[in-house]
């Protein structure tokens, strides 16, 4: 009787469980790295303002933005890398 009935295909797929878990941990790791990056940029800006007269006239938030800007990297004197290489 039981030998003649075909076996069912399993309805459980491990990838349906693993993918959301791995993407959650990837997003969590990315958020931790980004927060550490922002914290380091703020500490660097505070240090530059406290120790160098060259940065006394530049606003703290502008320094942080310059340090964190990946799209338009520049030297700390404000000259972009593209202009300095010409």
N, C-alpha and C. Protein backbone atom coordinates (compact mmCIF):
# COMPACT_ATOMS: atom_id res chain seq x y z
N UNK A 1 0.81 -1.18 0.00
CA UNK A 1 0.00 0.00 0.00
C UNK A 1 0.86 1.26 0.00
N UNK A 2 1.78 1.38 0.94
CA UNK A 2 2.59 2.58 1.00
C UNK A 2 3.68 2.61 -0.06
N UNK A 3 4.07 1.52 -0.56
CA UNK A 3 5.12 1.47 -1.56
C UNK A 3 4.64 2.01 -2.89
N UNK A 4 3.38 2.01 -3.15
CA UNK A 4 2.86 2.47 -4.42
C UNK A 4 2.62 3.98 -4.46
N UNK A 5 2.51 4.65 -3.31
CA UNK A 5 2.27 6.09 -3.31
C UNK A 5 3.59 6.82 -3.54
N UNK A 6 3.58 7.80 -4.45
CA UNK A 6 4.83 8.52 -4.72
C UNK A 6 5.20 9.43 -3.55
N UNK A 7 6.47 9.69 -3.42
CA UNK A 7 6.96 10.56 -2.34
C UNK A 7 6.70 12.02 -2.69
N UNK A 8 6.38 12.79 -1.69
CA UNK A 8 6.17 14.22 -1.91
C UNK A 8 7.51 14.93 -1.99
N UNK A 9 7.53 16.01 -2.73
CA UNK A 9 8.72 16.87 -2.74
C UNK A 9 8.72 17.68 -1.44
N UNK A 10 9.90 17.92 -0.89
CA UNK A 10 9.93 18.70 0.36
C UNK A 10 9.50 20.15 0.09
N UNK A 11 8.72 20.69 0.99
CA UNK A 11 8.25 22.07 0.84
C UNK A 11 9.17 23.06 1.54
N UNK A 12 10.09 22.57 2.34
CA UNK A 12 11.01 23.44 3.07
C UNK A 12 12.24 23.72 2.22
N UNK A 13 12.59 25.02 2.10
CA UNK A 13 13.78 25.41 1.36
C UNK A 13 14.67 26.21 2.32
N UNK A 14 15.88 25.73 2.56
CA UNK A 14 16.77 26.37 3.53
C UNK A 14 17.18 27.77 3.10
N UNK A 15 17.28 28.02 1.80
CA UNK A 15 17.70 29.34 1.35
C UNK A 15 16.65 30.42 1.65
N UNK A 16 15.40 30.02 1.77
CA UNK A 16 14.37 31.00 2.11
C UNK A 16 14.52 31.49 3.54
N UNK A 17 15.20 30.74 4.38
CA UNK A 17 15.45 31.14 5.76
C UNK A 17 16.82 31.82 5.87
N UNK A 18 17.81 31.32 5.18
CA UNK A 18 19.18 31.80 5.34
C UNK A 18 19.37 33.18 4.72
N UNK A 19 18.79 33.44 3.57
CA UNK A 19 18.99 34.73 2.89
C UNK A 19 18.53 35.93 3.73
N UNK A 20 17.35 35.94 4.33
CA UNK A 20 16.98 37.09 5.16
C UNK A 20 17.89 37.28 6.37
N UNK A 21 18.34 36.17 6.95
CA UNK A 21 19.23 36.28 8.11
C UNK A 21 20.57 36.86 7.72
N UNK A 22 21.15 36.39 6.62
CA UNK A 22 22.45 36.92 6.20
C UNK A 22 22.34 38.36 5.74
N UNK A 23 21.26 38.73 5.09
CA UNK A 23 21.11 40.12 4.68
C UNK A 23 20.91 41.03 5.90
N UNK A 24 20.24 40.54 6.93
CA UNK A 24 20.09 41.32 8.17
C UNK A 24 21.45 41.59 8.80
N UNK A 25 22.28 40.56 8.92
CA UNK A 25 23.59 40.74 9.52
C UNK A 25 24.50 41.60 8.65
N UNK A 26 24.36 41.51 7.34
CA UNK A 26 25.14 42.36 6.44
C UNK A 26 24.75 43.82 6.62
N UNK A 27 23.46 44.10 6.71
CA UNK A 27 23.01 45.49 6.94
C UNK A 27 23.45 46.00 8.31
N UNK A 28 23.41 45.13 9.31
CA UNK A 28 23.84 45.52 10.65
C UNK A 28 25.33 45.84 10.67
N UNK A 29 26.14 45.03 10.01
CA UNK A 29 27.57 45.28 9.94
C UNK A 29 27.86 46.57 9.18
N UNK A 30 27.13 46.81 8.10
CA UNK A 30 27.32 48.03 7.34
C UNK A 30 26.97 49.26 8.18
N UNK A 31 25.90 49.18 8.95
CA UNK A 31 25.52 50.30 9.81
C UNK A 31 26.56 50.56 10.90
N UNK A 32 27.12 49.50 11.47
CA UNK A 32 28.17 49.68 12.47
C UNK A 32 29.42 50.30 11.87
N UNK A 33 29.81 49.88 10.69
CA UNK A 33 30.99 50.45 10.04
C UNK A 33 30.76 51.91 9.68
N UNK A 34 29.58 52.24 9.21
CA UNK A 34 29.28 53.62 8.84
C UNK A 34 29.26 54.52 10.07
N UNK A 35 28.71 54.05 11.18
CA UNK A 35 28.69 54.86 12.39
C UNK A 35 30.10 55.07 12.93
N UNK A 36 30.95 54.05 12.84
CA UNK A 36 32.35 54.20 13.28
C UNK A 36 33.09 55.16 12.37
N UNK A 37 32.79 55.14 11.09
CA UNK A 37 33.42 56.05 10.13
C UNK A 37 33.05 57.49 10.44
N UNK A 38 31.77 57.73 10.75
CA UNK A 38 31.33 59.08 11.10
C UNK A 38 31.95 59.54 12.41
N UNK A 39 32.04 58.63 13.37
CA UNK A 39 32.65 58.98 14.65
C UNK A 39 34.12 59.34 14.46
N UNK A 40 34.84 58.60 13.63
CA UNK A 40 36.25 58.89 13.38
C UNK A 40 36.41 60.22 12.65
N UNK A 41 35.53 60.53 11.72
CA UNK A 41 35.60 61.81 11.01
C UNK A 41 35.36 62.97 11.97
N UNK A 42 34.42 62.82 12.89
CA UNK A 42 34.16 63.88 13.86
C UNK A 42 35.35 64.08 14.80
N UNK A 43 35.97 62.99 15.24
CA UNK A 43 37.14 63.11 16.09
C UNK A 43 38.31 63.75 15.35
N UNK A 44 38.49 63.40 14.08
CA UNK A 44 39.56 64.01 13.29
C UNK A 44 39.32 65.50 13.09
N UNK A 45 38.07 65.89 12.85
CA UNK A 45 37.74 67.31 12.68
C UNK A 45 37.98 68.08 13.98
N UNK A 46 37.59 67.51 15.11
CA UNK A 46 37.86 68.16 16.39
C UNK A 46 39.34 68.32 16.63
N UNK A 47 40.11 67.30 16.31
CA UNK A 47 41.56 67.36 16.50
C UNK A 47 42.19 68.42 15.59
N UNK A 48 41.75 68.48 14.34
CA UNK A 48 42.29 69.48 13.42
C UNK A 48 41.97 70.90 13.89
N UNK A 49 40.76 71.11 14.35
CA UNK A 49 40.38 72.45 14.82
C UNK A 49 41.12 72.82 16.09
N UNK A 50 41.39 71.85 16.95
CA UNK A 50 42.04 72.14 18.22
C UNK A 50 43.54 72.33 18.09
N UNK A 51 44.17 71.70 17.12
CA UNK A 51 45.63 71.71 17.06
C UNK A 51 46.21 72.54 15.93
N UNK A 52 45.42 72.94 14.95
CA UNK A 52 45.97 73.63 13.80
C UNK A 52 45.23 74.95 13.57
N UNK A 53 45.99 76.01 13.42
CA UNK A 53 45.38 77.31 13.15
C UNK A 53 44.83 77.39 11.72
N UNK A 54 45.32 76.54 10.85
CA UNK A 54 44.84 76.54 9.47
C UNK A 54 43.36 76.19 9.37
N UNK A 55 42.87 75.43 10.32
CA UNK A 55 41.48 74.97 10.28
C UNK A 55 40.58 75.73 11.24
N UNK A 56 41.09 76.78 11.87
CA UNK A 56 40.30 77.53 12.84
C UNK A 56 39.14 78.25 12.18
N UNK A 57 39.30 78.69 10.93
CA UNK A 57 38.25 79.44 10.25
C UNK A 57 37.24 78.55 9.52
N UNK A 58 37.51 77.27 9.46
CA UNK A 58 36.61 76.34 8.77
C UNK A 58 35.63 75.77 9.79
N UNK A 59 34.38 75.74 9.44
CA UNK A 59 33.35 75.22 10.34
C UNK A 59 33.56 73.73 10.59
N UNK A 60 33.22 73.32 11.79
CA UNK A 60 33.38 71.92 12.20
C UNK A 60 32.63 70.97 11.26
N UNK A 61 31.39 71.30 10.96
CA UNK A 61 30.59 70.42 10.10
C UNK A 61 31.14 70.37 8.68
N UNK A 62 31.71 71.48 8.19
CA UNK A 62 32.34 71.46 6.87
C UNK A 62 33.53 70.52 6.84
N UNK A 63 34.32 70.53 7.90
CA UNK A 63 35.45 69.59 7.98
C UNK A 63 34.97 68.14 7.98
N UNK A 64 33.94 67.88 8.75
CA UNK A 64 33.39 66.51 8.80
C UNK A 64 32.89 66.11 7.42
N UNK A 65 32.19 67.02 6.75
CA UNK A 65 31.69 66.71 5.41
C UNK A 65 32.82 66.47 4.42
N UNK A 66 33.89 67.26 4.51
CA UNK A 66 35.04 67.07 3.62
C UNK A 66 35.68 65.70 3.86
N UNK A 67 35.78 65.31 5.11
CA UNK A 67 36.41 64.02 5.42
C UNK A 67 35.54 62.86 4.94
N UNK A 68 34.23 62.99 5.07
CA UNK A 68 33.32 61.90 4.70
C UNK A 68 32.95 61.87 3.22
N UNK A 69 33.28 62.90 2.47
CA UNK A 69 32.86 62.98 1.06
C UNK A 69 33.66 62.01 0.21
N UNK A 70 33.00 60.95 -0.25
CA UNK A 70 33.65 59.96 -1.11
C UNK A 70 33.53 60.31 -2.58
N UNK A 71 32.54 61.09 -2.94
CA UNK A 71 32.30 61.41 -4.34
C UNK A 71 33.31 62.42 -4.87
N UNK A 72 33.73 63.37 -4.03
CA UNK A 72 34.65 64.42 -4.45
C UNK A 72 35.79 64.51 -3.43
N UNK A 73 36.73 63.56 -3.46
CA UNK A 73 37.80 63.59 -2.47
C UNK A 73 38.70 64.82 -2.69
N UNK A 74 39.20 65.38 -1.61
CA UNK A 74 40.04 66.57 -1.70
C UNK A 74 41.07 66.55 -0.58
N UNK A 75 42.11 67.33 -0.79
CA UNK A 75 43.09 67.53 0.27
C UNK A 75 42.46 68.39 1.35
N UNK A 76 43.06 68.43 2.50
CA UNK A 76 42.47 69.20 3.59
C UNK A 76 42.55 70.70 3.36
N UNK A 77 43.38 71.16 2.40
CA UNK A 77 43.40 72.59 2.12
C UNK A 77 42.29 72.98 1.15
N UNK A 78 41.44 72.04 0.73
CA UNK A 78 40.29 72.34 -0.10
C UNK A 78 40.48 72.06 -1.57
N UNK A 79 41.71 71.76 -2.00
CA UNK A 79 41.97 71.48 -3.41
C UNK A 79 41.61 70.03 -3.68
N UNK A 80 40.86 69.79 -4.74
CA UNK A 80 40.47 68.41 -5.05
C UNK A 80 41.66 67.65 -5.61
N UNK A 81 41.61 66.34 -5.53
CA UNK A 81 42.70 65.50 -6.02
C UNK A 81 42.86 65.64 -7.53
N UNK A 82 41.77 65.90 -8.25
CA UNK A 82 41.81 66.03 -9.70
C UNK A 82 42.57 67.30 -10.06
N UNK A 83 42.32 68.40 -9.36
CA UNK A 83 43.00 69.66 -9.65
C UNK A 83 44.49 69.59 -9.29
N UNK A 84 44.82 68.87 -8.21
CA UNK A 84 46.22 68.82 -7.78
C UNK A 84 47.07 67.94 -8.68
N UNK A 85 46.44 66.99 -9.39
CA UNK A 85 47.23 66.11 -10.25
C UNK A 85 47.52 66.72 -11.60
N UNK A 86 46.89 67.86 -11.93
CA UNK A 86 47.13 68.51 -13.24
C UNK A 86 48.40 69.30 -13.24
